[in-house]
Amino acid sequence: MDITEARQNMVDCQLRTNKVTDAALLSAMGDLPREAFLPADLQAFAYSDGEINIGEGRSMLAPMTSARMLQCLELKKGDVCLAIGRASGYTAAVMGRLARVVFALHDEQDLNLKTTSVCNQLGLDNVISVTGPLEKGWGKEAPYDAIFIDGAIEVLPDGILDQMADGGRLTAIIQENGVGRVTRFLKSGAARSGRVLFDAKAPVLPNFEMPQNFVF
């Protein structure tokens, strides 16, 4: 099977059959070369139906998981977005096909450079890679219409929630007692609400862990 056929099979067999119906999202994931965001030795697994361990505690979400999480953001062409993660930059690239501008926040400079390089090659000049502590978000360009957290978290910092625009949306995998659940948060005025959507699995991002009780 060639890579183009594998990409189309991902769309037809993993996404369409798992409640992903947004035409623009399906088109973006059907066009973007997911393999370009992986190390050479892992590119053959780019369109597998599971999470891909990239190494050093980093991973790429399963296509179905990322697609359903993105669909819940209901991205629009005028949206300003933030993608938080330490994976490959692929999710930010998909968002770049759907929104006006995406800030891709990484915690390591090499990930920043990799995302910048691949997105430039793909003509995605609206994806801007930045580096900083993931748990603090990227307040310099806030507020954001949509925020995607690319990995599981046990705690969602108030500082990131505060970077949501009025009417903003945020999706994250909230892990509790070892079980991950994709949750969508909405902001309306001063009110914020969260709703669990489906179960999902991903490694917990560093500095998003639940604080341990102090023990003498």
N, C-alpha and C. Protein backbone atom coordinates (compact mmCIF):
# COMPACT_ATOMS: atom_id res chain seq x y z
N MET A 1 0.85 -1.19 0.00
CA MET A 1 0.00 0.00 0.00
C MET A 1 0.89 1.25 0.00
N ASP A 2 0.64 2.20 -0.94
CA ASP A 2 1.45 3.41 -0.93
C ASP A 2 0.92 4.38 0.11
N ILE A 3 1.68 5.45 0.35
CA ILE A 3 1.37 6.35 1.45
C ILE A 3 0.07 7.12 1.20
N THR A 4 -0.20 7.45 -0.06
CA THR A 4 -1.44 8.17 -0.38
C THR A 4 -2.65 7.30 -0.11
N GLU A 5 -2.56 6.02 -0.47
CA GLU A 5 -3.66 5.09 -0.22
C GLU A 5 -3.85 4.88 1.28
N ALA A 6 -2.73 4.80 2.02
CA ALA A 6 -2.82 4.63 3.47
C ALA A 6 -3.51 5.83 4.11
N ARG A 7 -3.21 7.03 3.61
CA ARG A 7 -3.84 8.23 4.16
C ARG A 7 -5.34 8.23 3.90
N GLN A 8 -5.73 7.82 2.69
CA GLN A 8 -7.15 7.78 2.37
C GLN A 8 -7.87 6.71 3.18
N ASN A 9 -7.21 5.58 3.40
CA ASN A 9 -7.79 4.53 4.24
C ASN A 9 -7.98 5.01 5.68
N MET A 10 -7.03 5.83 6.16
CA MET A 10 -7.19 6.40 7.50
C MET A 10 -8.47 7.22 7.58
N VAL A 11 -8.69 8.07 6.57
CA VAL A 11 -9.88 8.91 6.55
C VAL A 11 -11.15 8.06 6.45
N ASP A 12 -11.14 7.09 5.56
CA ASP A 12 -12.36 6.30 5.30
C ASP A 12 -12.66 5.30 6.40
N CYS A 13 -11.62 4.66 6.94
CA CYS A 13 -11.84 3.55 7.87
C CYS A 13 -11.68 3.91 9.34
N GLN A 14 -10.90 4.96 9.64
CA GLN A 14 -10.70 5.34 11.04
C GLN A 14 -11.51 6.57 11.44
N LEU A 15 -11.68 7.50 10.50
CA LEU A 15 -12.35 8.76 10.85
C LEU A 15 -13.84 8.73 10.54
N ARG A 16 -14.17 8.47 9.27
CA ARG A 16 -15.58 8.49 8.89
C ARG A 16 -16.41 7.48 9.68
N THR A 17 -15.81 6.37 10.04
CA THR A 17 -16.54 5.33 10.77
C THR A 17 -16.60 5.58 12.27
N ASN A 18 -15.97 6.68 12.73
CA ASN A 18 -15.95 6.99 14.15
C ASN A 18 -16.45 8.41 14.42
N LYS A 19 -17.55 8.75 13.75
CA LYS A 19 -18.29 9.98 14.04
C LYS A 19 -17.57 11.26 13.64
N VAL A 20 -16.55 11.16 12.78
CA VAL A 20 -15.92 12.37 12.26
C VAL A 20 -16.61 12.72 10.94
N THR A 21 -17.35 13.81 10.95
CA THR A 21 -18.19 14.16 9.80
C THR A 21 -17.86 15.52 9.20
N ASP A 22 -17.03 16.31 9.87
CA ASP A 22 -16.71 17.65 9.39
C ASP A 22 -15.92 17.57 8.08
N ALA A 23 -16.50 18.10 7.00
CA ALA A 23 -15.90 17.94 5.68
C ALA A 23 -14.54 18.62 5.58
N ALA A 24 -14.41 19.82 6.15
CA ALA A 24 -13.14 20.54 6.08
C ALA A 24 -12.05 19.81 6.85
N LEU A 25 -12.40 19.24 7.99
CA LEU A 25 -11.44 18.49 8.79
C LEU A 25 -11.01 17.22 8.06
N LEU A 26 -11.96 16.49 7.49
CA LEU A 26 -11.62 15.29 6.73
C LEU A 26 -10.73 15.62 5.55
N SER A 27 -10.99 16.74 4.89
CA SER A 27 -10.16 17.15 3.76
C SER A 27 -8.74 17.48 4.21
N ALA A 28 -8.62 18.21 5.34
CA ALA A 28 -7.30 18.57 5.84
C ALA A 28 -6.49 17.34 6.21
N MET A 29 -7.11 16.39 6.91
CA MET A 29 -6.38 15.20 7.31
C MET A 29 -6.15 14.26 6.14
N GLY A 30 -6.95 14.38 5.10
CA GLY A 30 -6.74 13.59 3.90
C GLY A 30 -5.65 14.13 3.00
N ASP A 31 -5.32 15.41 3.19
CA ASP A 31 -4.30 16.05 2.36
C ASP A 31 -2.93 16.12 3.02
N LEU A 32 -2.92 16.39 4.33
CA LEU A 32 -1.65 16.64 5.01
C LEU A 32 -0.86 15.34 5.20
N PRO A 33 0.44 15.36 4.88
CA PRO A 33 1.27 14.16 5.04
C PRO A 33 1.66 13.96 6.50
N ARG A 34 0.90 13.15 7.18
CA ARG A 34 1.15 12.89 8.61
C ARG A 34 2.55 12.35 8.84
N GLU A 35 3.05 11.61 7.87
CA GLU A 35 4.38 11.01 8.01
C GLU A 35 5.49 12.05 8.10
N ALA A 36 5.26 13.24 7.52
CA ALA A 36 6.28 14.29 7.52
C ALA A 36 6.59 14.79 8.93
N PHE A 37 5.69 14.55 9.86
CA PHE A 37 5.85 15.03 11.23
C PHE A 37 6.45 13.97 12.15
N LEU A 38 6.87 12.84 11.58
CA LEU A 38 7.45 11.76 12.36
C LEU A 38 8.90 11.54 11.98
N PRO A 39 9.71 10.99 12.90
CA PRO A 39 11.07 10.59 12.55
C PRO A 39 11.03 9.55 11.43
N ALA A 40 12.09 9.48 10.66
CA ALA A 40 12.13 8.60 9.48
C ALA A 40 11.81 7.15 9.83
N ASP A 41 12.29 6.68 10.99
CA ASP A 41 12.08 5.27 11.33
C ASP A 41 10.66 4.96 11.77
N LEU A 42 9.82 5.98 11.94
CA LEU A 42 8.43 5.76 12.35
C LEU A 42 7.42 6.13 11.28
N GLN A 43 7.89 6.60 10.15
CA GLN A 43 6.97 7.09 9.13
C GLN A 43 6.08 5.99 8.55
N ALA A 44 6.55 4.76 8.58
CA ALA A 44 5.73 3.65 8.08
C ALA A 44 4.49 3.42 8.93
N PHE A 45 4.50 3.95 10.16
CA PHE A 45 3.36 3.76 11.08
C PHE A 45 2.45 4.98 11.12
N ALA A 46 2.67 5.94 10.24
CA ALA A 46 1.98 7.22 10.30
C ALA A 46 0.47 7.08 10.28
N TYR A 47 -0.06 6.08 9.57
CA TYR A 47 -1.51 5.96 9.40
C TYR A 47 -2.09 4.75 10.14
N SER A 48 -1.33 4.26 11.12
CA SER A 48 -1.87 3.20 11.97
C SER A 48 -2.97 3.79 12.85
N ASP A 49 -3.79 2.92 13.43
CA ASP A 49 -4.96 3.41 14.16
C ASP A 49 -4.71 3.62 15.65
N GLY A 50 -3.45 3.60 16.06
CA GLY A 50 -3.14 3.80 17.47
C GLY A 50 -2.21 4.96 17.70
N GLU A 51 -1.96 5.21 18.96
CA GLU A 51 -1.01 6.24 19.38
C GLU A 51 0.40 5.80 18.98
N ILE A 52 1.24 6.73 18.55
CA ILE A 52 2.61 6.42 18.14
C ILE A 52 3.58 7.02 19.15
N ASN A 53 4.38 6.16 19.78
CA ASN A 53 5.39 6.61 20.73
C ASN A 53 6.59 7.14 19.96
N ILE A 54 6.86 8.43 20.10
CA ILE A 54 7.96 9.06 19.37
C ILE A 54 9.26 8.95 20.14
N GLY A 55 9.18 8.68 21.43
CA GLY A 55 10.37 8.60 22.27
C GLY A 55 10.49 9.83 23.16
N GLU A 56 11.28 9.69 24.23
CA GLU A 56 11.53 10.77 25.17
C GLU A 56 10.22 11.29 25.77
N GLY A 57 9.29 10.38 26.01
CA GLY A 57 8.02 10.75 26.62
C GLY A 57 7.07 11.47 25.70
N ARG A 58 7.33 11.46 24.40
CA ARG A 58 6.48 12.15 23.44
C ARG A 58 5.70 11.14 22.61
N SER A 59 4.52 11.52 22.17
CA SER A 59 3.73 10.62 21.34
C SER A 59 2.80 11.41 20.45
N MET A 60 2.36 10.76 19.37
CA MET A 60 1.37 11.33 18.46
C MET A 60 0.05 10.62 18.73
N LEU A 61 -1.00 11.41 18.97
CA LEU A 61 -2.31 10.82 19.26
C LEU A 61 -2.79 9.96 18.09
N ALA A 62 -3.62 8.98 18.41
CA ALA A 62 -4.26 8.19 17.36
C ALA A 62 -5.09 9.11 16.48
N PRO A 63 -5.13 8.85 15.15
CA PRO A 63 -5.87 9.73 14.24
C PRO A 63 -7.31 9.98 14.66
N MET A 64 -8.00 8.93 15.08
CA MET A 64 -9.39 9.09 15.47
C MET A 64 -9.53 10.00 16.68
N THR A 65 -8.61 9.86 17.64
CA THR A 65 -8.67 10.69 18.84
C THR A 65 -8.47 12.16 18.50
N SER A 66 -7.40 12.46 17.75
CA SER A 66 -7.13 13.86 17.41
C SER A 66 -8.23 14.44 16.54
N ALA A 67 -8.78 13.65 15.61
CA ALA A 67 -9.83 14.14 14.73
C ALA A 67 -11.09 14.48 15.51
N ARG A 68 -11.50 13.61 16.41
CA ARG A 68 -12.72 13.87 17.18
C ARG A 68 -12.52 15.05 18.13
N MET A 69 -11.33 15.18 18.69
CA MET A 69 -11.05 16.32 19.55
C MET A 69 -11.08 17.62 18.75
N LEU A 70 -10.50 17.59 17.55
CA LEU A 70 -10.50 18.78 16.70
C LEU A 70 -11.92 19.13 16.25
N GLN A 71 -12.70 18.12 15.91
CA GLN A 71 -14.07 18.37 15.48
C GLN A 71 -14.87 19.08 16.58
N CYS A 72 -14.60 18.73 17.82
CA CYS A 72 -15.30 19.36 18.94
C CYS A 72 -14.96 20.83 19.11
N LEU A 73 -13.85 21.26 18.53
CA LEU A 73 -13.48 22.68 18.62
C LEU A 73 -14.27 23.54 17.65
N GLU A 74 -14.88 22.90 16.64
CA GLU A 74 -15.70 23.63 15.66
C GLU A 74 -14.94 24.84 15.11
N LEU A 75 -13.75 24.57 14.56
CA LEU A 75 -12.87 25.64 14.09
C LEU A 75 -13.47 26.39 12.90
N LYS A 76 -13.23 27.70 12.91
CA LYS A 76 -13.70 28.58 11.84
C LYS A 76 -12.53 29.31 11.21
N LYS A 77 -12.71 29.78 10.00
CA LYS A 77 -11.62 30.42 9.25
C LYS A 77 -11.03 31.63 9.95
N GLY A 78 -11.83 32.31 10.76
CA GLY A 78 -11.32 33.51 11.43
C GLY A 78 -10.72 33.27 12.79
N ASP A 79 -10.65 32.01 13.24
CA ASP A 79 -10.22 31.71 14.60
C ASP A 79 -8.73 31.89 14.81
N VAL A 80 -8.39 32.38 16.01
CA VAL A 80 -7.02 32.41 16.50
C VAL A 80 -6.90 31.28 17.51
N CYS A 81 -5.92 30.39 17.30
CA CYS A 81 -5.87 29.14 18.06
C CYS A 81 -4.53 28.93 18.75
N LEU A 82 -4.55 28.10 19.77
CA LEU A 82 -3.35 27.68 20.47
C LEU A 82 -3.34 26.16 20.54
N ALA A 83 -2.23 25.55 20.10
CA ALA A 83 -2.03 24.10 20.22
C ALA A 83 -0.88 23.88 21.20
N ILE A 84 -1.16 23.18 22.29
CA ILE A 84 -0.18 22.94 23.35
C ILE A 84 0.22 21.48 23.32
N GLY A 85 1.53 21.20 23.22
CA GLY A 85 1.95 19.80 23.23
C GLY A 85 3.43 19.65 23.02
N ARG A 86 3.88 18.41 23.11
CA ARG A 86 5.30 18.12 22.91
C ARG A 86 5.43 16.92 21.97
N ALA A 87 4.51 16.86 21.00
CA ALA A 87 4.54 15.74 20.06
C ALA A 87 5.24 16.16 18.77
N SER A 88 4.49 16.29 17.68
CA SER A 88 5.13 16.42 16.38
C SER A 88 4.76 17.69 15.63
N GLY A 89 3.74 18.41 16.07
CA GLY A 89 3.28 19.57 15.33
C GLY A 89 2.19 19.26 14.32
N TYR A 90 1.85 17.98 14.17
CA TYR A 90 0.84 17.60 13.18
C TYR A 90 -0.52 18.22 13.49
N THR A 91 -0.93 18.17 14.74
CA THR A 91 -2.25 18.71 15.10
C THR A 91 -2.31 20.20 14.80
N ALA A 92 -1.25 20.92 15.11
CA ALA A 92 -1.22 22.36 14.80
C ALA A 92 -1.35 22.60 13.30
N ALA A 93 -0.73 21.72 12.51
CA ALA A 93 -0.81 21.86 11.06
C ALA A 93 -2.24 21.65 10.56
N VAL A 94 -2.92 20.65 11.10
CA VAL A 94 -4.33 20.43 10.73
C VAL A 94 -5.15 21.66 11.10
N MET A 95 -4.93 22.18 12.28
CA MET A 95 -5.64 23.38 12.71
C MET A 95 -5.35 24.55 11.78
N GLY A 96 -4.11 24.61 11.28
CA GLY A 96 -3.74 25.68 10.38
C GLY A 96 -4.50 25.66 9.07
N ARG A 97 -4.97 24.48 8.68
CA ARG A 97 -5.79 24.37 7.47
C ARG A 97 -7.21 24.86 7.70
N LEU A 98 -7.62 24.98 8.96
CA LEU A 98 -9.01 25.27 9.29
C LEU A 98 -9.22 26.65 9.90
N ALA A 99 -8.16 27.25 10.45
CA ALA A 99 -8.29 28.49 11.20
C ALA A 99 -7.41 29.59 10.59
N ARG A 100 -7.52 30.79 11.15
CA ARG A 100 -6.76 31.93 10.62
C ARG A 100 -5.30 31.84 11.02
N VAL A 101 -5.04 31.60 12.30
CA VAL A 101 -3.66 31.50 12.78
C VAL A 101 -3.62 30.53 13.95
N VAL A 102 -2.52 29.77 14.03
CA VAL A 102 -2.33 28.81 15.11
C VAL A 102 -0.96 29.02 15.73
N PHE A 103 -0.92 29.19 17.04
CA PHE A 103 0.34 29.24 17.77
C PHE A 103 0.58 27.85 18.35
N ALA A 104 1.68 27.22 17.93
CA ALA A 104 2.02 25.87 18.35
C ALA A 104 3.06 25.97 19.46
N LEU A 105 2.64 25.70 20.69
CA LEU A 105 3.52 25.84 21.84
C LEU A 105 4.20 24.52 22.16
N HIS A 106 5.54 24.52 22.13
CA HIS A 106 6.35 23.36 22.50
C HIS A 106 7.21 23.73 23.70
N ASP A 107 7.71 22.72 24.39
CA ASP A 107 8.58 22.98 25.53
C ASP A 107 10.05 22.75 25.19
N GLU A 108 10.35 22.41 23.93
CA GLU A 108 11.73 22.19 23.51
C GLU A 108 11.96 22.87 22.17
N GLN A 109 13.12 23.48 22.04
CA GLN A 109 13.43 24.24 20.83
C GLN A 109 13.52 23.35 19.60
N ASP A 110 13.98 22.10 19.75
CA ASP A 110 14.09 21.24 18.57
C ASP A 110 12.72 20.90 18.00
N LEU A 111 11.71 20.76 18.87
CA LEU A 111 10.35 20.53 18.38
C LEU A 111 9.82 21.77 17.67
N ASN A 112 10.16 22.91 18.21
CA ASN A 112 9.77 24.17 17.59
C ASN A 112 10.33 24.26 16.17
N LEU A 113 11.60 23.97 16.03
CA LEU A 113 12.26 24.06 14.72
C LEU A 113 11.71 23.04 13.74
N LYS A 114 11.42 21.82 14.23
CA LYS A 114 10.86 20.77 13.38
C LYS A 114 9.50 21.18 12.85
N THR A 115 8.63 21.67 13.74
CA THR A 115 7.29 22.09 13.32
C THR A 115 7.38 23.23 12.32
N THR A 116 8.24 24.21 12.60
CA THR A 116 8.41 25.34 11.70
C THR A 116 8.85 24.89 10.32
N SER A 117 9.83 23.98 10.28
CA SER A 117 10.37 23.51 9.01
C SER A 117 9.32 22.79 8.19
N VAL A 118 8.60 21.84 8.81
CA VAL A 118 7.61 21.06 8.06
C VAL A 118 6.46 21.95 7.60
N CYS A 119 5.98 22.81 8.49
CA CYS A 119 4.85 23.68 8.11
C CYS A 119 5.25 24.64 6.99
N ASN A 120 6.48 25.12 7.02
CA ASN A 120 6.95 25.98 5.93
C ASN A 120 6.97 25.23 4.60
N GLN A 121 7.43 23.98 4.64
CA GLN A 121 7.45 23.16 3.43
C GLN A 121 6.05 22.92 2.88
N LEU A 122 5.06 22.88 3.78
CA LEU A 122 3.68 22.63 3.37
C LEU A 122 2.92 23.91 3.07
N GLY A 123 3.60 25.05 3.16
CA GLY A 123 2.96 26.32 2.86
C GLY A 123 2.03 26.81 3.96
N LEU A 124 2.19 26.30 5.16
CA LEU A 124 1.33 26.70 6.29
C LEU A 124 2.01 27.82 7.07
N ASP A 125 2.05 29.01 6.45
CA ASP A 125 2.72 30.12 7.11
C ASP A 125 1.87 30.74 8.21
N ASN A 126 0.67 30.23 8.43
CA ASN A 126 -0.17 30.71 9.53
C ASN A 126 0.00 29.86 10.79
N VAL A 127 0.91 28.88 10.77
CA VAL A 127 1.24 28.11 11.96
C VAL A 127 2.56 28.65 12.51
N ILE A 128 2.51 29.23 13.68
CA ILE A 128 3.66 29.90 14.27
C ILE A 128 4.11 29.12 15.50
N SER A 129 5.31 28.56 15.45
CA SER A 129 5.82 27.76 16.56
C SER A 129 6.52 28.64 17.58
N VAL A 130 6.23 28.38 18.86
CA VAL A 130 6.84 29.13 19.96
C VAL A 130 7.28 28.14 21.02
N THR A 131 8.17 28.57 21.89
CA THR A 131 8.71 27.69 22.93
C THR A 131 8.50 28.30 24.30
N GLY A 132 8.05 27.48 25.23
CA GLY A 132 7.86 27.94 26.61
C GLY A 132 7.25 26.84 27.45
N PRO A 133 7.06 27.09 28.75
CA PRO A 133 6.44 26.09 29.62
C PRO A 133 5.02 25.80 29.18
N LEU A 134 4.72 24.53 28.91
CA LEU A 134 3.40 24.18 28.40
C LEU A 134 2.29 24.56 29.37
N GLU A 135 2.55 24.37 30.65
CA GLU A 135 1.50 24.58 31.65
C GLU A 135 1.09 26.05 31.80
N LYS A 136 1.88 26.94 31.22
CA LYS A 136 1.55 28.37 31.31
C LYS A 136 0.83 28.88 30.07
N GLY A 137 0.69 28.02 29.05
CA GLY A 137 0.07 28.48 27.81
C GLY A 137 0.94 29.53 27.13
N TRP A 138 0.32 30.33 26.29
CA TRP A 138 1.06 31.39 25.57
C TRP A 138 0.24 32.67 25.64
N GLY A 139 0.42 33.38 26.75
CA GLY A 139 -0.39 34.55 27.02
C GLY A 139 -0.14 35.72 26.09
N LYS A 140 1.01 35.71 25.40
CA LYS A 140 1.37 36.86 24.55
C LYS A 140 0.36 37.12 23.45
N GLU A 141 -0.29 36.08 22.96
CA GLU A 141 -1.22 36.24 21.84
C GLU A 141 -2.67 35.95 22.24
N ALA A 142 -2.92 35.76 23.54
CA ALA A 142 -4.28 35.50 24.02
C ALA A 142 -5.14 36.76 23.87
N PRO A 143 -6.45 36.59 23.82
CA PRO A 143 -7.21 35.36 24.03
C PRO A 143 -7.35 34.54 22.75
N TYR A 144 -7.66 33.24 22.92
CA TYR A 144 -7.78 32.32 21.80
C TYR A 144 -9.23 31.84 21.65
N ASP A 145 -9.62 31.71 20.40
CA ASP A 145 -10.95 31.17 20.11
C ASP A 145 -11.00 29.67 20.37
N ALA A 146 -9.85 29.00 20.19
CA ALA A 146 -9.80 27.55 20.39
C ALA A 146 -8.43 27.15 20.91
N ILE A 147 -8.43 26.23 21.88
CA ILE A 147 -7.18 25.71 22.46
C ILE A 147 -7.25 24.19 22.43
N PHE A 148 -6.19 23.57 21.91
CA PHE A 148 -6.09 22.11 21.84
C PHE A 148 -4.89 21.69 22.68
N ILE A 149 -5.12 20.79 23.63
CA ILE A 149 -4.02 20.25 24.44
C ILE A 149 -3.71 18.85 23.93
N ASP A 150 -2.52 18.70 23.36
CA ASP A 150 -2.13 17.50 22.62
C ASP A 150 -1.46 16.49 23.56
N GLY A 151 -2.28 15.86 24.39
CA GLY A 151 -1.78 14.90 25.36
C GLY A 151 -2.72 14.89 26.55
N ALA A 152 -2.53 13.93 27.44
CA ALA A 152 -3.38 13.85 28.62
C ALA A 152 -2.87 14.79 29.71
N ILE A 153 -3.80 15.26 30.54
CA ILE A 153 -3.45 16.10 31.67
C ILE A 153 -4.28 15.65 32.87
N GLU A 154 -3.72 15.81 34.05
CA GLU A 154 -4.47 15.52 35.28
C GLU A 154 -5.04 16.80 35.88
N VAL A 155 -4.38 17.92 35.59
CA VAL A 155 -4.81 19.23 36.09
C VAL A 155 -4.79 20.20 34.92
N LEU A 156 -5.85 20.99 34.79
CA LEU A 156 -5.92 22.04 33.77
C LEU A 156 -5.69 23.37 34.47
N PRO A 157 -4.53 23.99 34.27
CA PRO A 157 -4.21 25.23 34.99
C PRO A 157 -5.18 26.36 34.66
N ASP A 158 -5.51 27.13 35.68
CA ASP A 158 -6.40 28.28 35.47
C ASP A 158 -5.79 29.26 34.47
N GLY A 159 -4.46 29.34 34.45
CA GLY A 159 -3.81 30.27 33.54
C GLY A 159 -4.13 29.98 32.08
N ILE A 160 -4.28 28.70 31.73
CA ILE A 160 -4.64 28.35 30.36
C ILE A 160 -6.11 28.65 30.11
N LEU A 161 -6.97 28.31 31.08
CA LEU A 161 -8.39 28.62 30.93
C LEU A 161 -8.60 30.13 30.76
N ASP A 162 -7.78 30.92 31.44
CA ASP A 162 -7.91 32.38 31.36
C ASP A 162 -7.53 32.91 29.98
N GLN A 163 -6.86 32.09 29.17
CA GLN A 163 -6.46 32.53 27.83
C GLN A 163 -7.54 32.26 26.78
N MET A 164 -8.68 31.72 27.20
CA MET A 164 -9.80 31.49 26.29
C MET A 164 -10.55 32.80 26.05
N ALA A 165 -10.93 33.05 24.80
CA ALA A 165 -11.76 34.19 24.46
C ALA A 165 -13.20 33.94 24.89
N ASP A 166 -13.99 34.99 24.96
CA ASP A 166 -15.41 34.81 25.19
C ASP A 166 -15.98 34.02 24.02
N GLY A 167 -16.66 32.92 24.32
CA GLY A 167 -17.12 32.02 23.27
C GLY A 167 -16.07 31.00 22.85
N GLY A 168 -14.94 30.99 23.57
CA GLY A 168 -13.84 30.10 23.23
C GLY A 168 -14.11 28.65 23.61
N ARG A 169 -13.38 27.75 22.93
CA ARG A 169 -13.50 26.31 23.17
C ARG A 169 -12.11 25.73 23.46
N LEU A 170 -12.08 24.72 24.31
CA LEU A 170 -10.83 24.02 24.63
C LEU A 170 -11.12 22.54 24.74
N THR A 171 -10.27 21.72 24.13
CA THR A 171 -10.40 20.27 24.30
C THR A 171 -9.11 19.70 24.87
N ALA A 172 -9.28 18.75 25.79
CA ALA A 172 -8.15 18.11 26.44
C ALA A 172 -8.57 16.73 26.91
N ILE A 173 -7.59 15.84 27.07
CA ILE A 173 -7.84 14.52 27.66
C ILE A 173 -7.54 14.64 29.15
N ILE A 174 -8.59 14.64 29.96
CA ILE A 174 -8.43 14.75 31.40
C ILE A 174 -8.31 13.35 31.98
N GLN A 175 -7.17 13.07 32.61
CA GLN A 175 -6.94 11.74 33.17
C GLN A 175 -7.17 11.74 34.67
N GLU A 176 -7.97 10.78 35.12
CA GLU A 176 -8.26 10.63 36.54
C GLU A 176 -8.26 9.14 36.87
N ASN A 177 -7.44 8.79 37.87
CA ASN A 177 -7.31 7.39 38.28
C ASN A 177 -6.95 6.49 37.09
N GLY A 178 -6.09 7.00 36.22
CA GLY A 178 -5.60 6.22 35.10
C GLY A 178 -6.53 6.16 33.90
N VAL A 179 -7.68 6.79 33.97
CA VAL A 179 -8.65 6.78 32.87
C VAL A 179 -8.69 8.17 32.23
N GLY A 180 -8.51 8.22 30.90
CA GLY A 180 -8.54 9.48 30.19
C GLY A 180 -9.88 9.72 29.52
N ARG A 181 -10.39 10.93 29.66
CA ARG A 181 -11.66 11.30 29.04
C ARG A 181 -11.51 12.63 28.32
N VAL A 182 -11.83 12.65 27.04
CA VAL A 182 -11.80 13.90 26.29
C VAL A 182 -12.91 14.79 26.81
N THR A 183 -12.54 16.00 27.20
CA THR A 183 -13.48 16.96 27.76
C THR A 183 -13.41 18.26 26.98
N ARG A 184 -14.57 18.80 26.66
CA ARG A 184 -14.64 20.10 25.98
C ARG A 184 -15.07 21.16 26.98
N PHE A 185 -14.28 22.23 27.02
CA PHE A 185 -14.60 23.36 27.89
C PHE A 185 -15.06 24.53 27.02
N LEU A 186 -16.08 25.23 27.49
CA LEU A 186 -16.63 26.39 26.80
C LEU A 186 -16.59 27.58 27.74
N LYS A 187 -16.36 28.77 27.18
CA LYS A 187 -16.37 29.99 27.97
C LYS A 187 -17.43 30.92 27.44
N SER A 188 -18.26 31.42 28.33
CA SER A 188 -19.30 32.39 27.97
C SER A 188 -19.30 33.47 29.03
N GLY A 189 -18.80 34.64 28.67
CA GLY A 189 -18.64 35.69 29.66
C GLY A 189 -17.65 35.26 30.72
N ALA A 190 -18.06 35.35 31.98
CA ALA A 190 -17.18 34.93 33.07
C ALA A 190 -17.36 33.45 33.42
N ALA A 191 -18.34 32.80 32.78
CA ALA A 191 -18.65 31.40 33.12
C ALA A 191 -17.87 30.44 32.23
N ARG A 192 -17.41 29.34 32.84
CA ARG A 192 -16.74 28.27 32.10
C ARG A 192 -17.40 26.95 32.47
N SER A 193 -17.57 26.10 31.48
CA SER A 193 -18.20 24.81 31.73
C SER A 193 -17.44 23.72 30.98
N GLY A 194 -17.48 22.50 31.51
CA GLY A 194 -16.82 21.37 30.88
C GLY A 194 -17.77 20.21 30.69
N ARG A 195 -17.59 19.48 29.60
CA ARG A 195 -18.45 18.33 29.32
C ARG A 195 -17.60 17.18 28.81
N VAL A 196 -17.73 16.01 29.44
CA VAL A 196 -17.01 14.81 29.01
C VAL A 196 -17.65 14.28 27.73
N LEU A 197 -16.81 13.94 26.73
CA LEU A 197 -17.32 13.51 25.43
C LEU A 197 -17.05 12.04 25.15
N PHE A 198 -15.83 11.57 25.35
CA PHE A 198 -15.52 10.16 25.10
C PHE A 198 -14.19 9.82 25.77
N ASP A 199 -13.93 8.52 25.91
CA ASP A 199 -12.69 8.06 26.51
C ASP A 199 -11.55 8.07 25.50
N ALA A 200 -10.35 8.34 25.98
CA ALA A 200 -9.17 8.35 25.11
C ALA A 200 -7.93 8.12 25.96
N LYS A 201 -6.86 7.70 25.29
CA LYS A 201 -5.62 7.38 25.99
C LYS A 201 -4.47 8.19 25.42
N ALA A 202 -3.63 8.70 26.32
CA ALA A 202 -2.42 9.43 25.93
C ALA A 202 -1.54 9.58 27.17
N PRO A 203 -0.22 9.74 26.99
CA PRO A 203 0.65 9.99 28.13
C PRO A 203 0.34 11.36 28.74
N VAL A 204 0.51 11.45 30.06
CA VAL A 204 0.29 12.73 30.74
C VAL A 204 1.46 13.66 30.45
N LEU A 205 1.13 14.88 30.05
CA LEU A 205 2.16 15.87 29.75
C LEU A 205 2.87 16.29 31.03
N PRO A 206 4.18 16.55 30.96
CA PRO A 206 4.90 16.98 32.16
C PRO A 206 4.36 18.30 32.69
N ASN A 207 4.32 18.41 34.02
CA ASN A 207 3.85 19.59 34.73
C ASN A 207 2.34 19.78 34.66
N PHE A 208 1.63 18.74 34.19
CA PHE A 208 0.18 18.73 34.25
C PHE A 208 -0.31 17.61 35.16
N GLU A 209 0.57 17.11 36.02
CA GLU A 209 0.21 16.03 36.92
C GLU A 209 -0.50 16.58 38.15
N MET A 210 -1.35 15.74 38.74
CA MET A 210 -2.00 16.09 40.00
C MET A 210 -0.95 16.17 41.10
N PRO A 211 -0.90 17.27 41.86
CA PRO A 211 0.09 17.35 42.94
C PRO A 211 -0.09 16.21 43.94
N GLN A 212 1.02 15.63 44.36
CA GLN A 212 0.97 14.54 45.35
C GLN A 212 0.83 15.13 46.74
N ASN A 213 0.03 14.45 47.57
CA ASN A 213 -0.13 14.89 48.96
C ASN A 213 1.20 14.79 49.68
N PHE A 214 1.50 15.80 50.48
CA PHE A 214 2.75 15.80 51.22
C PHE A 214 2.71 14.72 52.31
N VAL A 215 3.75 13.92 52.36
CA VAL A 215 3.84 12.86 53.37
C VAL A 215 5.13 13.02 54.14
N PHE A 216 5.05 12.98 55.50
CA PHE A 216 6.27 13.07 56.32
C PHE A 216 7.05 11.76 56.22
